[in-house]
Amino acid sequence: MNETLLVIDDNEALRESVANYLEDLEYRVLSTENGRAGLEIVEKEHPDLVLTDLRMPEMDGLEVLERVRTIAPEMPVIVISGTGNMADSIQALKLGAWDYILKPVEDMTIISHAVEKGLAHARLLKEKHTYQKNLEATVRERTAELEKSNAELIRSQGELRESERRLTEINACLLGLGTDYRANCMRLTELCGNLLRASSAFYSRYDGGMLSTIGHWQAPADYPVERKAEGTICFGVIRCERGVPFVHRHLHRNESFRGLPAVKQYGWTTYVGHPVQCGGVTVGCLCGFFMEDVDPTPDELRVLGILASAIGLEEDRKRA
């Protein structure tokens, strides 16, 4: 699209001659006879450049120039004046006029040259501002990415320290185990509950269709030490015969679990369990129950697996 120019001059002959000349150069030209109407066009059409006379009725060119600077600070304004007053030209330049051309204009190329330079300058300013905006957007984006990376790094460092703490506690527990099978299972279950920050933790051994609780931590007072395996969450873990952790959340909403007496009676919301294997056979389940909705981290599930393996070794030793 051709760039748009606005010519403001109360001299109709000059205004039309300038407009016709610029139109021949393939500019889109708007024109008006006074400054007030010119400002309305500036606000509505936002031309690329303004040429204005200095002495006009209603509003002179200096006021037009000052108002244009407020409406569109980067819009080039060329003053065409016949006053020959040095003070006017200085004031016009102070107000930001791009060029000052004296009347009468005997060579129209003076105008076209000034217009070309003014438009080129305006284009450079636009490109500069576009580049600056893009740069600022890129900086904001990179800053956000950096802040996110820093947050992730801090979180990772925190998780690493927590993982090291858990492994230290596990090592201390394993080194402190004695020869009593039940006491060892109890200590490992207690550690499981503590490290997972569970509401309750249990190690239940499967034997002849029954689950016997060998180890427990913060168990409800009326929690059955021995119960039928079928219908319990742990039995589902044992029956799968897979050495992987199982996580069930929103127990009270789950069709398979919300009717279980333990879920209704104790208000447990999340279950995290791991099969305990001995000689390649699943013999029991180490699990933690939570009163709140919990999404365990990979490291917490790894801890659960380590403790389940430790109990499996106790089962091996008991069998031997």
Protein backbone atom coordinates (compact mmCIF):
# COMPACT_ATOMS: atom_id res chain seq x y z
CA MET A 1 0.00 0.00 0.00
CA ASN A 2 1.30 3.51 -0.90
CA GLU A 3 2.31 5.69 2.03
CA THR A 4 -0.20 8.34 3.07
CA LEU A 5 0.68 12.04 3.25
CA LEU A 6 -1.36 14.90 4.70
CA VAL A 7 -1.06 18.44 3.28
CA ILE A 8 -2.39 21.29 5.49
CA ASP A 9 -2.40 24.72 3.87
CA ASP A 10 -4.99 27.51 3.60
CA ASN A 11 -3.61 28.44 0.18
CA GLU A 12 -5.78 26.31 -2.07
CA ALA A 13 -3.60 26.68 -5.17
CA LEU A 14 -0.43 25.69 -3.38
CA ARG A 15 -2.21 22.92 -1.50
CA GLU A 16 -3.56 21.39 -4.69
CA SER A 17 -0.30 21.74 -6.60
CA VAL A 18 1.66 20.02 -3.82
CA ALA A 19 -1.00 17.31 -3.53
CA ASN A 20 -1.08 16.68 -7.28
CA TYR A 21 2.69 16.53 -7.46
CA LEU A 22 2.90 13.99 -4.64
CA GLU A 23 0.07 11.91 -6.10
CA ASP A 24 2.04 11.73 -9.36
CA LEU A 25 4.81 10.17 -7.29
CA GLU A 26 2.26 7.49 -6.26
CA TYR A 27 1.70 8.67 -2.71
CA ARG A 28 -1.79 8.62 -1.22
CA VAL A 29 -2.45 12.29 -0.43
CA LEU A 30 -5.02 13.81 1.95
CA SER A 31 -5.41 17.57 2.23
CA THR A 32 -7.23 20.19 4.24
CA GLU A 33 -7.25 23.97 4.57
CA ASN A 34 -6.77 24.43 8.34
CA GLY A 35 -4.92 22.98 11.27
CA ARG A 36 -7.93 21.89 13.33
CA ALA A 37 -9.30 19.78 10.48
CA GLY A 38 -5.78 18.48 9.86
CA LEU A 39 -5.51 17.18 13.43
CA GLU A 40 -8.81 15.35 13.04
CA ILE A 41 -7.37 13.63 9.96
CA VAL A 42 -4.18 12.78 11.87
CA GLU A 43 -6.19 11.10 14.64
CA LYS A 44 -8.48 9.27 12.20
CA GLU A 45 -6.20 8.33 9.30
CA HIS A 46 -2.79 8.35 11.03
CA PRO A 47 -0.85 9.40 7.90
CA ASP A 48 2.81 8.53 7.48
CA LEU A 49 3.91 12.18 7.11
CA VAL A 50 2.41 15.68 7.44
CA LEU A 51 3.24 18.82 5.44
CA THR A 52 1.84 21.96 7.07
CA ASP A 53 1.83 25.69 6.49
CA LEU A 54 2.90 27.85 9.41
CA ARG A 55 0.41 30.70 9.20
CA MET A 56 -3.23 29.57 9.02
CA PRO A 57 -6.54 30.66 10.51
CA GLU A 58 -8.00 28.90 13.59
CA MET A 59 -4.75 27.04 14.39
CA ASP A 60 -1.24 27.84 13.18
CA GLY A 61 1.35 25.33 12.06
CA LEU A 62 3.37 25.52 15.29
CA GLU A 63 0.35 24.40 17.30
CA VAL A 64 -0.37 21.68 14.73
CA LEU A 65 3.23 20.51 15.06
CA GLU A 66 3.02 20.48 18.85
CA ARG A 67 -0.27 18.55 18.84
CA VAL A 68 1.01 16.01 16.29
CA ARG A 69 3.99 15.35 18.56
CA THR A 70 1.49 14.42 21.28
CA ILE A 71 -0.75 12.26 19.06
CA ALA A 72 2.02 10.48 17.12
CA PRO A 73 5.53 11.37 18.36
CA GLU A 74 7.29 9.55 15.52
CA MET A 75 5.23 11.03 12.65
CA PRO A 76 7.50 13.27 10.49
CA VAL A 77 6.19 16.82 10.03
CA ILE A 78 7.56 19.13 7.31
CA VAL A 79 6.83 22.85 7.67
CA ILE A 80 6.23 24.86 4.48
CA SER A 81 6.14 28.57 5.28
CA GLY A 82 6.47 31.92 3.60
CA THR A 83 7.08 34.00 6.73
CA GLY A 84 10.87 33.91 6.47
CA ASN A 85 10.92 34.49 10.21
CA MET A 86 14.02 32.90 11.76
CA ALA A 87 12.34 32.65 15.17
CA ASP A 88 9.47 30.64 13.62
CA SER A 89 11.85 28.22 11.92
CA ILE A 90 13.85 27.72 15.13
CA GLN A 91 10.65 27.14 17.12
CA ALA A 92 9.39 24.68 14.53
CA LEU A 93 12.63 22.68 14.68
CA LYS A 94 12.52 22.76 18.50
CA LEU A 95 9.03 21.29 18.35
CA GLY A 96 10.36 18.41 16.25
CA ALA A 97 9.82 19.48 12.64
CA TRP A 98 11.65 17.13 10.28
CA ASP A 99 12.35 19.89 7.74
CA TYR A 100 11.54 23.53 7.05
CA ILE A 101 10.83 24.62 3.46
CA LEU A 102 10.37 28.26 2.47
CA LYS A 103 7.68 29.51 0.11
CA PRO A 104 7.42 30.09 -2.71
CA VAL A 105 8.43 26.55 -3.66
CA GLU A 106 9.91 26.92 -7.13
CA ASP A 107 11.31 23.39 -7.34
CA MET A 108 8.92 20.67 -6.23
CA THR A 109 11.77 18.17 -6.00
CA ILE A 110 12.76 19.94 -2.79
CA ILE A 111 9.49 18.75 -1.31
CA SER A 112 9.77 15.22 -2.68
CA HIS A 113 13.34 14.95 -1.40
CA ALA A 114 12.30 16.09 2.08
CA VAL A 115 9.33 13.69 2.03
CA GLU A 116 11.51 10.72 1.00
CA LYS A 117 14.04 11.43 3.73
CA GLY A 118 11.31 11.95 6.34
CA LEU A 119 9.57 8.69 5.41
CA ALA A 120 12.89 6.81 5.38
CA HIS A 121 13.63 8.13 8.85
CA ALA A 122 10.15 7.11 10.05
CA ARG A 123 10.62 3.61 8.62
CA LEU A 124 13.92 3.26 10.45
CA LEU A 125 12.27 4.33 13.68
CA LYS A 126 9.48 1.79 13.19
CA GLU A 127 11.98 -0.95 12.44
CA LYS A 128 13.97 0.06 15.50
CA HIS A 129 10.91 -0.03 17.73
CA THR A 130 9.77 -3.35 16.23
CA TYR A 131 13.23 -4.77 16.83
CA GLN A 132 13.24 -3.37 20.36
CA LYS A 133 9.81 -4.87 21.11
CA ASN A 134 10.90 -8.23 19.73
CA LEU A 135 14.10 -8.02 21.72
CA GLU A 136 12.20 -7.15 24.90
CA ALA A 137 9.78 -10.03 24.26
CA THR A 138 12.73 -12.39 23.70
CA VAL A 139 14.40 -11.16 26.89
CA ARG A 140 11.17 -11.66 28.86
CA GLU A 141 10.80 -15.15 27.38
CA ARG A 142 14.41 -16.08 28.11
CA THR A 143 14.14 -14.61 31.60
CA ALA A 144 11.01 -16.67 32.27
CA GLU A 145 12.77 -19.78 30.96
CA LEU A 146 15.79 -19.04 33.13
CA GLU A 147 13.63 -18.50 36.21
CA LYS A 148 11.82 -21.76 35.45
CA SER A 149 15.14 -23.58 35.00
CA ASN A 150 16.45 -22.11 38.25
CA ALA A 151 13.27 -23.17 40.06
CA GLU A 152 13.59 -26.67 38.61
CA LEU A 153 17.26 -26.77 39.60
CA ILE A 154 16.46 -25.70 43.15
CA ARG A 155 13.66 -28.28 43.28
CA SER A 156 15.98 -30.97 41.90
CA GLN A 157 18.65 -30.08 44.43
CA GLY A 158 16.06 -30.28 47.20
CA GLU A 159 14.87 -33.65 45.92
CA LEU A 160 18.47 -34.88 45.73
CA ARG A 161 19.14 -33.85 49.33
CA GLU A 162 15.90 -35.52 50.40
CA SER A 163 16.84 -38.67 48.49
CA GLU A 164 20.28 -38.71 50.14
CA ARG A 165 18.66 -38.29 53.56
CA ARG A 166 16.30 -41.19 52.90
CA LEU A 167 19.11 -43.46 51.70
CA THR A 168 21.16 -42.55 54.77
CA GLU A 169 18.26 -43.54 57.03
CA ILE A 170 17.71 -46.76 55.10
CA ASN A 171 21.40 -47.68 55.37
CA ALA A 172 21.39 -46.97 59.11
CA CYS A 173 18.28 -49.10 59.55
CA LEU A 174 19.70 -52.02 57.53
CA LEU A 175 22.96 -51.92 59.50
CA GLY A 176 21.00 -51.94 62.75
CA LEU A 177 18.85 -54.98 61.95
CA GLY A 178 19.25 -57.97 64.22
CA THR A 179 18.24 -61.61 63.96
CA ASP A 180 14.59 -61.24 65.03
CA TYR A 181 12.43 -61.57 61.88
CA ARG A 182 9.38 -59.80 63.30
CA ALA A 183 11.40 -57.00 64.89
CA ASN A 184 13.22 -56.39 61.62
CA CYS A 185 9.96 -56.31 59.62
CA MET A 186 8.53 -53.89 62.17
CA ARG A 187 11.54 -51.55 61.91
CA LEU A 188 11.44 -51.58 58.09
CA THR A 189 7.69 -50.89 58.09
CA GLU A 190 8.09 -48.02 60.54
CA LEU A 191 10.83 -46.54 58.35
CA CYS A 192 8.57 -46.89 55.30
CA GLY A 193 5.80 -44.93 57.01
CA ASN A 194 8.20 -42.22 58.15
CA LEU A 195 9.99 -41.77 54.84
CA LEU A 196 6.75 -41.70 52.83
CA ARG A 197 5.07 -39.45 55.44
CA ALA A 198 2.12 -41.84 55.38
CA SER A 199 -0.80 -41.87 57.79
CA SER A 200 -0.27 -45.59 58.41
CA ALA A 201 2.05 -48.28 57.04
CA PHE A 202 1.81 -52.07 57.02
CA TYR A 203 3.68 -55.17 55.96
CA SER A 204 1.17 -57.95 55.44
CA ARG A 205 2.22 -61.51 54.69
CA TYR A 206 0.00 -63.72 52.54
CA ASP A 207 -0.55 -67.29 53.70
CA GLY A 208 -3.40 -69.66 52.93
CA GLY A 209 -5.87 -67.01 51.83
CA MET A 210 -5.16 -64.83 54.85
CA LEU A 211 -3.16 -61.63 55.34
CA SER A 212 -1.16 -61.45 58.55
CA THR A 213 0.18 -58.04 59.58
CA ILE A 214 3.82 -58.61 60.55
CA GLY A 215 4.93 -54.97 60.60
CA HIS A 216 2.85 -51.87 61.23
CA TRP A 217 3.30 -48.16 61.91
CA GLN A 218 0.61 -45.83 63.30
CA ALA A 219 -2.02 -48.51 62.78
CA PRO A 220 -5.56 -47.71 63.98
CA ALA A 221 -6.27 -49.31 67.35
CA ASP A 222 -8.92 -51.65 65.91
CA TYR A 223 -6.99 -52.58 62.76
CA PRO A 224 -7.24 -56.39 62.34
CA VAL A 225 -3.91 -58.17 62.66
CA GLU A 226 -5.22 -61.07 60.59
CA ARG A 227 -7.90 -60.90 57.93
CA LYS A 228 -9.08 -62.55 54.76
CA ALA A 229 -6.92 -61.56 51.81
CA GLU A 230 -9.57 -61.56 49.14
CA GLY A 231 -11.25 -58.19 48.70
CA THR A 232 -8.32 -56.16 50.10
CA ILE A 233 -6.16 -53.78 48.08
CA CYS A 234 -3.01 -55.63 49.14
CA PHE A 235 -4.37 -58.90 47.78
CA GLY A 236 -4.73 -57.24 44.38
CA VAL A 237 -1.05 -56.19 44.53
CA ILE A 238 0.08 -59.68 45.60
CA ARG A 239 -2.02 -61.45 43.00
CA CYS A 240 -0.52 -59.40 40.14
CA GLU A 241 2.85 -61.13 40.72
CA ARG A 242 4.72 -58.04 39.50
CA GLY A 243 7.60 -56.45 41.34
CA VAL A 244 6.44 -52.90 40.74
CA PRO A 245 4.76 -50.30 42.97
CA PHE A 246 1.02 -49.72 42.85
CA VAL A 247 -0.60 -46.34 43.51
CA HIS A 248 -4.35 -45.90 43.98
CA ARG A 249 -5.68 -42.39 44.60
CA HIS A 250 -9.16 -41.14 45.51
CA LEU A 251 -10.10 -44.45 47.13
CA HIS A 252 -13.44 -43.06 48.28
CA ARG A 253 -14.39 -42.34 44.65
CA ASN A 254 -13.06 -45.56 43.14
CA GLU A 255 -15.76 -48.15 42.46
CA SER A 256 -13.33 -50.96 43.31
CA PHE A 257 -12.23 -49.61 46.69
CA ARG A 258 -14.74 -47.18 48.18
CA GLY A 259 -16.84 -50.01 49.58
CA LEU A 260 -13.95 -51.64 51.45
CA PRO A 261 -14.43 -51.49 55.25
CA ALA A 262 -10.92 -50.08 55.83
CA VAL A 263 -11.47 -47.21 53.40
CA LYS A 264 -14.86 -46.30 54.90
CA GLN A 265 -13.80 -46.85 58.50
CA TYR A 266 -10.43 -45.06 58.52
CA GLY A 267 -11.01 -42.39 55.85
CA TRP A 268 -7.97 -43.33 53.80
CA THR A 269 -7.71 -41.54 50.45
CA THR A 270 -4.47 -42.79 48.86
CA TYR A 271 -2.83 -46.22 48.81
CA VAL A 272 0.79 -46.92 47.82
CA GLY A 273 1.90 -50.54 47.89
CA HIS A 274 4.78 -52.73 46.72
CA PRO A 275 4.85 -56.53 46.52
CA VAL A 276 7.37 -58.35 48.70
CA GLN A 277 9.02 -61.27 46.92
CA CYS A 278 10.94 -64.21 48.24
CA GLY A 279 12.62 -66.64 45.87
CA GLY A 280 10.85 -65.02 42.91
CA VAL A 281 7.42 -65.54 44.49
CA THR A 282 5.27 -62.74 45.92
CA VAL A 283 4.70 -63.49 49.60
CA GLY A 284 3.31 -60.23 50.90
CA CYS A 285 2.84 -56.49 50.44
CA LEU A 286 4.44 -53.41 52.01
CA CYS A 287 2.06 -50.46 51.82
CA GLY A 288 1.29 -46.99 53.08
CA PHE A 289 -2.13 -45.34 53.47
CA PHE A 290 -2.68 -41.58 53.36
CA MET A 291 -5.59 -39.53 54.66
CA GLU A 292 -5.04 -36.95 51.88
CA ASP A 293 -4.66 -37.21 48.12
CA VAL A 294 -0.98 -37.94 47.44
CA ASP A 295 0.95 -38.34 44.20
CA PRO A 296 4.21 -40.01 45.28
CA THR A 297 7.43 -38.98 43.59
CA PRO A 298 9.60 -41.48 41.68
CA ASP A 299 12.13 -41.31 44.51
CA GLU A 300 9.48 -42.18 47.11
CA LEU A 301 8.41 -45.17 45.03
CA ARG A 302 12.07 -46.19 44.75
CA VAL A 303 12.39 -46.01 48.55
CA LEU A 304 9.30 -48.19 48.89
CA GLY A 305 10.87 -50.73 46.50
CA ILE A 306 14.15 -50.80 48.48
CA LEU A 307 12.34 -51.43 51.76
CA ALA A 308 10.14 -54.09 50.16
CA SER A 309 13.31 -55.83 48.90
CA ALA A 310 14.80 -55.61 52.41
CA ILE A 311 11.73 -57.32 53.85
CA GLY A 312 12.04 -59.91 51.08
CA LEU A 313 15.55 -60.66 52.34
CA GLU A 314 14.11 -61.14 55.82
CA GLU A 315 11.64 -63.59 54.34
CA ASP A 316 14.51 -65.42 52.64
CA ARG A 317 16.42 -65.62 55.90
CA LYS A 318 13.33 -66.79 57.80
CA ARG A 319 12.75 -69.53 55.23
CA ALA A 320 16.40 -70.62 55.41
